[in-house]
């Protein structure tokens, strides 16, 4: 009897875990954003470099240019190596530093300030920071630690909250008509439609987008509805790709580093598309005849 209960519990746990497809989706998201950060550091230079190099009067540490560039490029190379390791086999001792560096990048933007809504950068970057953390939880290697039966609930909770927080942050920026968002719409329409929209039209569109972002974020937290996750995955990928449509190939790293904005809700969509715990494990109850035989 005890053995049957143990087998059933193990089956239930396996049925309710992230599928191979969901874990691979998460791995690809982390790999893509690592490549994006590496390209950012090795070609343009990240906010970390400018924070280290800038004068103290403008929020910098006044390092030498050579030292600041060396730190940034070293981090870029490390992110490329992390992408390779993660593609071959996720390692928690690689993924945790990746998450930490994503946090450092957000902190550098916040510390410098000067840009619209830079004070909520950590919230806007929640998906980028959490993606490698969740992968370290669901696919740790070597298995020196485990959350046991709490692995999937912990991972799904982090995925839901990180996605919701990022969408709320972006919704807040859209409602505040972030100049960068305005430029994205203007540049995309001019570049592809050869049409310059009215400022009021752009602001109205951003207001609608902001409301929608906040509404779906609340729904993601309050409801287990895969259609919401699917919409957020689609919209997250569209908004990430808008950097390319607005500014062309030179903004490729801007697209790649935002892979988690659509990738994390896509992982949730895949997970919620799996058979539910009850359906995966429903068993016809024994009849009276069976129990007496």
C-alpha atoms as a PDB file:
ATOM      1  CA  UNK A   1       0.000   0.000   0.000  1.00  0.00           C
ATOM      2  CA  UNK A   2       2.804   2.371   0.942  1.00  0.00           C
ATOM      3  CA  UNK A   3       4.650   1.493  -2.253  1.00  0.00           C
ATOM      4  CA  UNK A   4       1.540   2.266  -4.344  1.00  0.00           C
ATOM      5  CA  UNK A   5       1.179   5.662  -2.639  1.00  0.00           C
ATOM      6  CA  UNK A   6       4.833   6.448  -3.271  1.00  0.00           C
ATOM      7  CA  UNK A   7       4.545   5.488  -6.965  1.00  0.00           C
ATOM      8  CA  UNK A   8       1.337   7.511  -7.320  1.00  0.00           C
ATOM      9  CA  UNK A   9       2.922  10.561  -5.669  1.00  0.00           C
ATOM     10  CA  UNK A  10       5.923  10.261  -7.965  1.00  0.00           C
ATOM     11  CA  UNK A  11       3.631  10.003 -11.008  1.00  0.00           C
ATOM     12  CA  UNK A  12       1.612  13.021  -9.899  1.00  0.00           C
ATOM     13  CA  UNK A  13       4.770  15.062  -9.388  1.00  0.00           C
ATOM     14  CA  UNK A  14       6.136  14.100 -12.808  1.00  0.00           C
ATOM     15  CA  UNK A  15       2.829  14.894 -14.535  1.00  0.00           C
ATOM     16  CA  UNK A  16       2.729  18.344 -12.980  1.00  0.00           C
ATOM     17  CA  UNK A  17       6.370  19.234 -13.792  1.00  0.00           C
ATOM     18  CA  UNK A  18       7.536  21.489 -16.597  1.00  0.00           C
ATOM     19  CA  UNK A  19       7.636  19.521 -19.830  1.00  0.00           C
ATOM     20  CA  UNK A  20      10.771  19.040 -21.888  1.00  0.00           C
ATOM     21  CA  UNK A  21       9.379  21.545 -24.398  1.00  0.00           C
ATOM     22  CA  UNK A  22       8.893  24.177 -21.682  1.00  0.00           C
ATOM     23  CA  UNK A  23      12.410  23.678 -20.307  1.00  0.00           C
ATOM     24  CA  UNK A  24      13.936  23.845 -23.796  1.00  0.00           C
ATOM     25  CA  UNK A  25      11.993  27.029 -24.474  1.00  0.00           C
ATOM     26  CA  UNK A  26      13.433  28.508 -21.295  1.00  0.00           C
ATOM     27  CA  UNK A  27      16.945  27.381 -22.251  1.00  0.00           C
ATOM     28  CA  UNK A  28      16.676  29.041 -25.656  1.00  0.00           C
ATOM     29  CA  UNK A  29      15.409  32.257 -24.044  1.00  0.00           C
ATOM     30  CA  UNK A  30      18.407  32.393 -21.711  1.00  0.00           C
ATOM     31  CA  UNK A  31      20.842  31.571 -24.539  1.00  0.00           C
ATOM     32  CA  UNK A  32      19.386  34.287 -26.785  1.00  0.00           C
ATOM     33  CA  UNK A  33      19.465  36.969 -24.102  1.00  0.00           C
ATOM     34  CA  UNK A  34      23.062  36.024 -23.206  1.00  0.00           C
ATOM     35  CA  UNK A  35      24.050  36.461 -26.847  1.00  0.00           C
ATOM     36  CA  UNK A  36      22.227  39.793 -26.880  1.00  0.00           C
ATOM     37  CA  UNK A  37      24.062  41.069 -23.810  1.00  0.00           C
ATOM     38  CA  UNK A  38      27.372  39.847 -25.273  1.00  0.00           C
ATOM     39  CA  UNK A  39      26.757  41.691 -28.542  1.00  0.00           C
ATOM     40  CA  UNK A  40      25.721  44.779 -26.577  1.00  0.00           C
ATOM     41  CA  UNK A  41      28.963  44.730 -24.583  1.00  0.00           C
ATOM     42  CA  UNK A  42      31.308  43.843 -27.450  1.00  0.00           C
ATOM     43  CA  UNK A  43      29.923  46.275 -30.024  1.00  0.00           C
ATOM     44  CA  UNK A  44      28.166  49.245 -28.442  1.00  0.00           C
ATOM     45  CA  UNK A  45      29.027  49.115 -24.753  1.00  0.00           C
ATOM     46  CA  UNK A  46      26.570  48.567 -21.914  1.00  0.00           C
ATOM     47  CA  UNK A  47      25.472  51.001 -19.197  1.00  0.00           C
ATOM     48  CA  UNK A  48      27.987  49.302 -16.896  1.00  0.00           C
ATOM     49  CA  UNK A  49      30.837  50.645 -19.005  1.00  0.00           C
ATOM     50  CA  UNK A  50      29.463  54.194 -19.047  1.00  0.00           C
ATOM     51  CA  UNK A  51      28.756  54.063 -15.307  1.00  0.00           C
ATOM     52  CA  UNK A  52      32.338  53.053 -14.579  1.00  0.00           C
ATOM     53  CA  UNK A  53      33.822  55.571 -17.003  1.00  0.00           C
ATOM     54  CA  UNK A  54      31.642  58.648 -16.469  1.00  0.00           C
ATOM     55  CA  UNK A  55      32.642  61.408 -14.113  1.00  0.00           C
ATOM     56  CA  UNK A  56      31.220  61.386 -10.605  1.00  0.00           C
ATOM     57  CA  UNK A  57      29.299  64.563 -11.375  1.00  0.00           C
ATOM     58  CA  UNK A  58      27.122  62.659 -13.835  1.00  0.00           C
ATOM     59  CA  UNK A  59      26.687  59.490 -11.788  1.00  0.00           C
ATOM     60  CA  UNK A  60      29.878  57.637 -12.719  1.00  0.00           C
ATOM     61  CA  UNK A  61      32.869  56.159 -10.908  1.00  0.00           C
ATOM     62  CA  UNK A  62      35.465  57.931 -13.067  1.00  0.00           C
ATOM     63  CA  UNK A  63      37.464  54.836 -13.990  1.00  0.00           C
ATOM     64  CA  UNK A  64      39.873  54.967 -16.900  1.00  0.00           C
ATOM     65  CA  UNK A  65      38.316  54.275 -20.287  1.00  0.00           C
ATOM     66  CA  UNK A  66      40.540  51.231 -20.782  1.00  0.00           C
ATOM     67  CA  UNK A  67      39.473  49.662 -17.475  1.00  0.00           C
ATOM     68  CA  UNK A  68      35.772  50.313 -18.077  1.00  0.00           C
ATOM     69  CA  UNK A  69      35.941  48.812 -21.578  1.00  0.00           C
ATOM     70  CA  UNK A  70      37.906  45.811 -20.264  1.00  0.00           C
ATOM     71  CA  UNK A  71      35.252  45.055 -17.629  1.00  0.00           C
ATOM     72  CA  UNK A  72      32.443  45.369 -20.163  1.00  0.00           C
ATOM     73  CA  UNK A  73      34.118  43.218 -22.798  1.00  0.00           C
ATOM     74  CA  UNK A  74      35.145  40.583 -20.280  1.00  0.00           C
ATOM     75  CA  UNK A  75      31.529  40.355 -19.188  1.00  0.00           C
ATOM     76  CA  UNK A  76      30.511  40.083 -22.850  1.00  0.00           C
ATOM     77  CA  UNK A  77      32.850  37.157 -23.445  1.00  0.00           C
ATOM     78  CA  UNK A  78      31.610  35.480 -20.264  1.00  0.00           C
ATOM     79  CA  UNK A  79      28.021  35.850 -21.476  1.00  0.00           C
ATOM     80  CA  UNK A  80      28.955  34.146 -24.753  1.00  0.00           C
ATOM     81  CA  UNK A  81      30.491  31.277 -22.782  1.00  0.00           C
ATOM     82  CA  UNK A  82      27.385  31.132 -20.603  1.00  0.00           C
ATOM     83  CA  UNK A  83      25.229  30.870 -23.725  1.00  0.00           C
ATOM     84  CA  UNK A  84      27.317  27.921 -24.920  1.00  0.00           C
ATOM     85  CA  UNK A  85      27.185  26.132 -21.562  1.00  0.00           C
ATOM     86  CA  UNK A  86      23.430  26.682 -21.275  1.00  0.00           C
ATOM     87  CA  UNK A  87      22.775  25.329 -24.758  1.00  0.00           C
ATOM     88  CA  UNK A  88      24.805  22.202 -24.030  1.00  0.00           C
ATOM     89  CA  UNK A  89      23.717  21.695 -20.417  1.00  0.00           C
ATOM     90  CA  UNK A  90      22.307  24.252 -17.969  1.00  0.00           C
ATOM     91  CA  UNK A  91      24.583  24.696 -14.947  1.00  0.00           C
ATOM     92  CA  UNK A  92      23.399  26.537 -11.856  1.00  0.00           C
ATOM     93  CA  UNK A  93      26.923  27.861 -11.235  1.00  0.00           C
ATOM     94  CA  UNK A  94      26.723  29.524 -14.693  1.00  0.00           C
ATOM     95  CA  UNK A  95      23.090  30.624 -14.547  1.00  0.00           C
ATOM     96  CA  UNK A  96      23.283  32.374 -11.175  1.00  0.00           C
ATOM     97  CA  UNK A  97      26.066  34.763 -12.331  1.00  0.00           C
ATOM     98  CA  UNK A  98      24.066  35.416 -15.516  1.00  0.00           C
ATOM     99  CA  UNK A  99      21.074  36.469 -13.412  1.00  0.00           C
ATOM    100  CA  UNK A 100      23.371  38.570 -11.232  1.00  0.00           C
ATOM    101  CA  UNK A 101      24.838  40.371 -14.251  1.00  0.00           C
ATOM    102  CA  UNK A 102      21.361  41.101 -15.570  1.00  0.00           C
ATOM    103  CA  UNK A 103      20.673  42.709 -12.207  1.00  0.00           C
ATOM    104  CA  UNK A 104      23.919  44.682 -12.435  1.00  0.00           C
ATOM    105  CA  UNK A 105      22.923  46.022 -15.858  1.00  0.00           C
ATOM    106  CA  UNK A 106      19.544  47.131 -14.499  1.00  0.00           C
ATOM    107  CA  UNK A 107      21.245  48.739 -11.500  1.00  0.00           C
ATOM    108  CA  UNK A 108      23.631  50.643 -13.772  1.00  0.00           C
ATOM    109  CA  UNK A 109      20.721  52.113 -15.739  1.00  0.00           C
ATOM    110  CA  UNK A 110      18.892  52.995 -12.517  1.00  0.00           C
ATOM    111  CA  UNK A 111      22.031  54.475 -10.933  1.00  0.00           C
ATOM    112  CA  UNK A 112      22.808  56.699 -13.904  1.00  0.00           C
ATOM    113  CA  UNK A 113      19.244  57.957 -14.210  1.00  0.00           C
ATOM    114  CA  UNK A 114      18.638  60.701 -16.703  1.00  0.00           C
ATOM    115  CA  UNK A 115      16.319  58.602 -18.868  1.00  0.00           C
ATOM    116  CA  UNK A 116      12.542  58.503 -18.642  1.00  0.00           C
ATOM    117  CA  UNK A 117      11.311  55.897 -16.143  1.00  0.00           C
ATOM    118  CA  UNK A 118      14.839  54.768 -15.251  1.00  0.00           C
ATOM    119  CA  UNK A 119      13.648  54.563 -11.633  1.00  0.00           C
ATOM    120  CA  UNK A 120      11.593  51.441 -12.463  1.00  0.00           C
ATOM    121  CA  UNK A 121      14.301  49.705 -14.509  1.00  0.00           C
ATOM    122  CA  UNK A 122      14.542  46.720 -12.152  1.00  0.00           C
ATOM    123  CA  UNK A 123      10.819  46.068 -12.556  1.00  0.00           C
ATOM    124  CA  UNK A 124      10.999  46.451 -16.342  1.00  0.00           C
ATOM    125  CA  UNK A 125      13.913  43.958 -16.429  1.00  0.00           C
ATOM    126  CA  UNK A 126      12.275  41.401 -14.118  1.00  0.00           C
ATOM    127  CA  UNK A 127      11.907  38.783 -16.865  1.00  0.00           C
ATOM    128  CA  UNK A 128      15.566  39.110 -17.878  1.00  0.00           C
ATOM    129  CA  UNK A 129      16.751  38.613 -14.304  1.00  0.00           C
ATOM    130  CA  UNK A 130      14.380  35.771 -13.417  1.00  0.00           C
ATOM    131  CA  UNK A 131      14.768  33.668 -16.596  1.00  0.00           C
ATOM    132  CA  UNK A 132      18.203  32.203 -15.681  1.00  0.00           C
ATOM    133  CA  UNK A 133      17.103  31.806 -12.044  1.00  0.00           C
ATOM    134  CA  UNK A 134      14.113  29.673 -13.030  1.00  0.00           C
ATOM    135  CA  UNK A 135      16.241  27.570 -15.367  1.00  0.00           C
ATOM    136  CA  UNK A 136      18.683  26.973 -12.512  1.00  0.00           C
ATOM    137  CA  UNK A 137      15.759  25.761 -10.397  1.00  0.00           C
ATOM    138  CA  UNK A 138      14.098  23.409 -12.894  1.00  0.00           C
ATOM    139  CA  UNK A 139      17.237  22.035 -14.575  1.00  0.00           C
ATOM    140  CA  UNK A 140      20.079  22.252 -12.045  1.00  0.00           C
ATOM    141  CA  UNK A 141      23.382  20.565 -12.751  1.00  0.00           C
ATOM    142  CA  UNK A 142      25.204  19.284 -10.886  1.00  0.00           C
ATOM    143  CA  UNK A 143      22.297  18.398  -8.620  1.00  0.00           C
ATOM    144  CA  UNK A 144      23.815  19.644  -5.402  1.00  0.00           C
ATOM    145  CA  UNK A 145      20.494  21.137  -4.352  1.00  0.00           C
ATOM    146  CA  UNK A 146      16.838  20.531  -5.107  1.00  0.00           C
ATOM    147  CA  UNK A 147      13.521  22.085  -4.181  1.00  0.00           C
ATOM    148  CA  UNK A 148      11.869  18.669  -4.367  1.00  0.00           C
ATOM    149  CA  UNK A 149       8.112  18.813  -4.811  1.00  0.00           C
ATOM    150  CA  UNK A 150       8.259  22.611  -4.576  1.00  0.00           C
ATOM    151  CA  UNK A 151      10.384  22.910  -7.739  1.00  0.00           C
ATOM    152  CA  UNK A 152       7.556  23.408 -10.229  1.00  0.00           C
ATOM    153  CA  UNK A 153       5.319  25.598  -8.006  1.00  0.00           C
ATOM    154  CA  UNK A 154       8.310  27.815  -7.205  1.00  0.00           C
ATOM    155  CA  UNK A 155       9.335  28.063 -10.867  1.00  0.00           C
ATOM    156  CA  UNK A 156       5.815  28.806 -12.104  1.00  0.00           C
ATOM    157  CA  UNK A 157       5.284  31.427  -9.397  1.00  0.00           C
ATOM    158  CA  UNK A 158       8.509  33.184 -10.385  1.00  0.00           C
ATOM    159  CA  UNK A 159       7.558  33.028 -14.068  1.00  0.00           C
ATOM    160  CA  UNK A 160       4.110  34.487 -13.424  1.00  0.00           C
ATOM    161  CA  UNK A 161       5.240  37.303 -11.150  1.00  0.00           C
ATOM    162  CA  UNK A 162       8.281  38.278 -13.222  1.00  0.00           C
ATOM    163  CA  UNK A 163       6.175  38.440 -16.385  1.00  0.00           C
ATOM    164  CA  UNK A 164       3.422  40.406 -14.652  1.00  0.00           C
ATOM    165  CA  UNK A 165       5.860  42.873 -13.077  1.00  0.00           C
ATOM    166  CA  UNK A 166       7.585  43.516 -16.412  1.00  0.00           C
ATOM    167  CA  UNK A 167       4.270  44.066 -18.187  1.00  0.00           C
ATOM    168  CA  UNK A 168       3.057  46.411 -15.442  1.00  0.00           C
ATOM    169  CA  UNK A 169       6.302  48.382 -15.685  1.00  0.00           C
ATOM    170  CA  UNK A 170       6.025  48.601 -19.467  1.00  0.00           C
ATOM    171  CA  UNK A 171       2.349  49.485 -19.153  1.00  0.00           C
ATOM    172  CA  UNK A 172       3.256  52.306 -16.782  1.00  0.00           C
ATOM    173  CA  UNK A 173       5.820  53.586 -19.277  1.00  0.00           C
ATOM    174  CA  UNK A 174       3.274  53.416 -22.090  1.00  0.00           C
ATOM    175  CA  UNK A 175       0.677  55.292 -20.039  1.00  0.00           C
ATOM    176  CA  UNK A 176       3.341  57.912 -19.325  1.00  0.00           C
ATOM    177  CA  UNK A 177       4.109  58.135 -23.057  1.00  0.00           C
ATOM    178  CA  UNK A 178       7.763  57.183 -22.671  1.00  0.00           C
ATOM    179  CA  UNK A 179       9.664  59.122 -25.379  1.00  0.00           C
ATOM    180  CA  UNK A 180      11.527  55.954 -26.349  1.00  0.00           C
ATOM    181  CA  UNK A 181       8.225  54.168 -27.019  1.00  0.00           C
ATOM    182  CA  UNK A 182       7.036  57.160 -29.026  1.00  0.00           C
ATOM    183  CA  UNK A 183      10.205  56.945 -31.128  1.00  0.00           C
ATOM    184  CA  UNK A 184       9.644  53.234 -31.725  1.00  0.00           C
ATOM    185  CA  UNK A 185       6.206  53.859 -33.196  1.00  0.00           C
ATOM    186  CA  UNK A 186       7.305  56.872 -35.222  1.00  0.00           C
ATOM    187  CA  UNK A 187      10.409  55.159 -36.605  1.00  0.00           C
ATOM    188  CA  UNK A 188       8.574  51.929 -37.461  1.00  0.00           C
ATOM    189  CA  UNK A 189       5.710  53.643 -39.289  1.00  0.00           C
ATOM    190  CA  UNK A 190       8.042  55.962 -41.202  1.00  0.00           C
ATOM    191  CA  UNK A 191      10.467  53.159 -42.066  1.00  0.00           C
ATOM    192  CA  UNK A 192       7.918  50.574 -43.212  1.00  0.00           C
ATOM    193  CA  UNK A 193       4.705  52.468 -44.011  1.00  0.00           C
ATOM    194  CA  UNK A 194       6.286  55.715 -45.218  1.00  0.00           C
ATOM    195  CA  UNK A 195       3.798  57.554 -43.052  1.00  0.00           C
ATOM    196  CA  UNK A 196       4.370  59.960 -40.170  1.00  0.00           C
ATOM    197  CA  UNK A 197       1.593  59.587 -37.592  1.00  0.00           C
ATOM    198  CA  UNK A 198       0.203  62.436 -35.556  1.00  0.00           C
ATOM    199  CA  UNK A 199       1.662  62.836 -32.047  1.00  0.00           C
ATOM    200  CA  UNK A 200      -1.813  62.580 -30.518  1.00  0.00           C
ATOM    201  CA  UNK A 201      -2.489  59.331 -32.373  1.00  0.00           C
ATOM    202  CA  UNK A 202       0.764  57.818 -31.104  1.00  0.00           C
ATOM    203  CA  UNK A 203      -0.027  58.851 -27.533  1.00  0.00           C
ATOM    204  CA  UNK A 204      -3.539  57.395 -27.800  1.00  0.00           C
ATOM    205  CA  UNK A 205      -2.112  54.104 -29.065  1.00  0.00           C
ATOM    206  CA  UNK A 206       0.399  54.034 -26.197  1.00  0.00           C
ATOM    207  CA  UNK A 207      -2.386  54.686 -23.686  1.00  0.00           C
ATOM    208  CA  UNK A 208      -4.342  51.713 -25.035  1.00  0.00           C
ATOM    209  CA  UNK A 209      -1.221  49.545 -24.983  1.00  0.00           C
ATOM    210  CA  UNK A 210      -0.475  50.591 -21.407  1.00  0.00           C
ATOM    211  CA  UNK A 211      -3.967  49.692 -20.211  1.00  0.00           C
ATOM    212  CA  UNK A 212      -3.836  46.340 -22.001  1.00  0.00           C
ATOM    213  CA  UNK A 213      -0.401  45.518 -20.525  1.00  0.00           C
ATOM    214  CA  UNK A 214      -1.574  46.162 -16.981  1.00  0.00           C
ATOM    215  CA  UNK A 215      -4.861  44.280 -17.437  1.00  0.00           C
ATOM    216  CA  UNK A 216      -3.202  41.115 -18.793  1.00  0.00           C
ATOM    217  CA  UNK A 217      -0.574  41.295 -16.036  1.00  0.00           C
ATOM    218  CA  UNK A 218      -3.307  41.274 -13.392  1.00  0.00           C
ATOM    219  CA  UNK A 219      -5.104  38.428 -15.189  1.00  0.00           C
ATOM    220  CA  UNK A 220      -1.886  36.389 -15.318  1.00  0.00           C
ATOM    221  CA  UNK A 221      -1.555  36.599 -11.540  1.00  0.00           C
ATOM    222  CA  UNK A 222      -5.204  36.026 -10.709  1.00  0.00           C
ATOM    223  CA  UNK A 223      -6.127  33.428 -13.342  1.00  0.00           C
ATOM    224  CA  UNK A 224      -4.511  30.282 -14.667  1.00  0.00           C
ATOM    225  CA  UNK A 225      -5.530  31.048 -18.243  1.00  0.00           C
ATOM    226  CA  UNK A 226      -3.208  29.972 -21.016  1.00  0.00           C
ATOM    227  CA  UNK A 227      -4.784  32.374 -23.549  1.00  0.00           C
ATOM    228  CA  UNK A 228      -3.533  35.282 -21.426  1.00  0.00           C
ATOM    229  CA  UNK A 229      -0.048  33.779 -21.380  1.00  0.00           C
ATOM    230  CA  UNK A 230      -0.252  33.183 -25.119  1.00  0.00           C
ATOM    231  CA  UNK A 231      -1.215  36.789 -25.806  1.00  0.00           C
ATOM    232  CA  UNK A 232       1.590  38.051 -23.553  1.00  0.00           C
ATOM    233  CA  UNK A 233       4.106  35.804 -25.329  1.00  0.00           C
ATOM    234  CA  UNK A 234       2.997  37.128 -28.716  1.00  0.00           C
ATOM    235  CA  UNK A 235       2.995  40.762 -27.606  1.00  0.00           C
ATOM    236  CA  UNK A 236       6.314  40.442 -25.773  1.00  0.00           C
ATOM    237  CA  UNK A 237       8.004  39.109 -28.900  1.00  0.00           C
ATOM    238  CA  UNK A 238       6.373  41.796 -31.077  1.00  0.00           C
ATOM    239  CA  UNK A 239       7.551  44.618 -28.824  1.00  0.00           C
ATOM    240  CA  UNK A 240      11.062  43.159 -28.660  1.00  0.00           C
ATOM    241  CA  UNK A 241      11.202  42.909 -32.457  1.00  0.00           C
ATOM    242  CA  UNK A 242       9.969  46.499 -32.744  1.00  0.00           C
ATOM    243  CA  UNK A 243      13.536  47.623 -31.993  1.00  0.00           C
ATOM    244  CA  UNK A 244      14.596  45.983 -35.260  1.00  0.00           C
ATOM    245  CA  UNK A 245      11.684  47.388 -37.257  1.00  0.00           C
ATOM    246  CA  UNK A 246      12.408  50.859 -35.891  1.00  0.00           C
ATOM    247  CA  UNK A 247      16.206  51.012 -36.035  1.00  0.00           C
ATOM    248  CA  UNK A 248      17.306  48.143 -38.271  1.00  0.00           C
ATOM    249  CA  UNK A 249      20.144  45.608 -37.807  1.00  0.00           C
ATOM    250  CA  UNK A 250      22.174  47.932 -35.576  1.00  0.00           C
ATOM    251  CA  UNK A 251      19.537  47.360 -32.871  1.00  0.00           C
ATOM    252  CA  UNK A 252      19.707  43.548 -33.069  1.00  0.00           C
ATOM    253  CA  UNK A 253      21.079  43.277 -29.542  1.00  0.00           C
ATOM    254  CA  UNK A 254      18.071  45.287 -28.324  1.00  0.00           C
ATOM    255  CA  UNK A 255      15.836  42.532 -29.681  1.00  0.00           C
ATOM    256  CA  UNK A 256      17.883  39.636 -28.298  1.00  0.00           C
ATOM    257  CA  UNK A 257      18.197  40.961 -24.749  1.00  0.00           C
ATOM    258  CA  UNK A 258      14.387  41.173 -24.578  1.00  0.00           C
ATOM    259  CA  UNK A 259      13.842  37.509 -25.451  1.00  0.00           C
ATOM    260  CA  UNK A 260      12.469  36.813 -21.981  1.00  0.00           C
ATOM    261  CA  UNK A 261       9.649  39.359 -22.376  1.00  0.00           C
ATOM    262  CA  UNK A 262       7.879  36.968 -24.723  1.00  0.00           C
ATOM    263  CA  UNK A 263       9.773  33.827 -23.750  1.00  0.00           C
ATOM    264  CA  UNK A 264       8.643  33.542 -20.135  1.00  0.00           C
ATOM    265  CA  UNK A 265       4.913  33.791 -20.884  1.00  0.00           C
ATOM    266  CA  UNK A 266       5.511  31.290 -23.699  1.00  0.00           C
ATOM    267  CA  UNK A 267       6.934  28.853 -21.126  1.00  0.00           C
ATOM    268  CA  UNK A 268       3.792  29.393 -19.037  1.00  0.00           C
ATOM    269  CA  UNK A 269       1.615  28.800 -22.112  1.00  0.00           C
ATOM    270  CA  UNK A 270       3.391  25.514 -22.815  1.00  0.00           C
ATOM    271  CA  UNK A 271       3.135  24.466 -19.172  1.00  0.00           C
ATOM    272  CA  UNK A 272      -0.563  25.282 -18.915  1.00  0.00           C
ATOM    273  CA  UNK A 273      -1.182  23.405 -22.166  1.00  0.00           C
ATOM    274  CA  UNK A 274      -0.005  20.205 -20.500  1.00  0.00           C
ATOM    275  CA  UNK A 275      -2.641  17.841 -19.071  1.00  0.00           C
ATOM    276  CA  UNK A 276      -3.761  19.044 -15.670  1.00  0.00           C
ATOM    277  CA  UNK A 277      -2.873  17.132 -12.536  1.00  0.00           C
ATOM    278  CA  UNK A 278      -6.296  15.541 -12.316  1.00  0.00           C
ATOM    279  CA  UNK A 279      -6.620  14.691 -16.006  1.00  0.00           C
ATOM    280  CA  UNK A 280      -3.104  13.294 -16.169  1.00  0.00           C
ATOM    281  CA  UNK A 281      -3.732  11.039 -13.209  1.00  0.00           C
ATOM    282  CA  UNK A 282      -7.439  10.370 -13.169  1.00  0.00           C
ATOM    283  CA  UNK A 283      -8.162   6.743 -12.538  1.00  0.00           C
ATOM    284  CA  UNK A 284     -11.434   4.961 -12.732  1.00  0.00           C
ATOM    285  CA  UNK A 285     -12.571   4.253  -9.155  1.00  0.00           C
ATOM    286  CA  UNK A 286     -12.824   0.580  -8.266  1.00  0.00           C
ATOM    287  CA  UNK A 287     -16.296  -0.915  -8.384  1.00  0.00           C
ATOM    288  CA  UNK A 288     -17.844  -2.851  -5.536  1.00  0.00           C
ATOM    289  CA  UNK A 289     -17.203  -6.052  -7.476  1.00  0.00           C
ATOM    290  CA  UNK A 290     -13.527  -5.212  -7.855  1.00  0.00           C
ATOM    291  CA  UNK A 291     -13.119  -4.463  -4.175  1.00  0.00           C
ATOM    292  CA  UNK A 292     -14.692  -7.740  -3.075  1.00  0.00           C
ATOM    293  CA  UNK A 293     -12.924  -9.967  -5.597  1.00  0.00           C
END
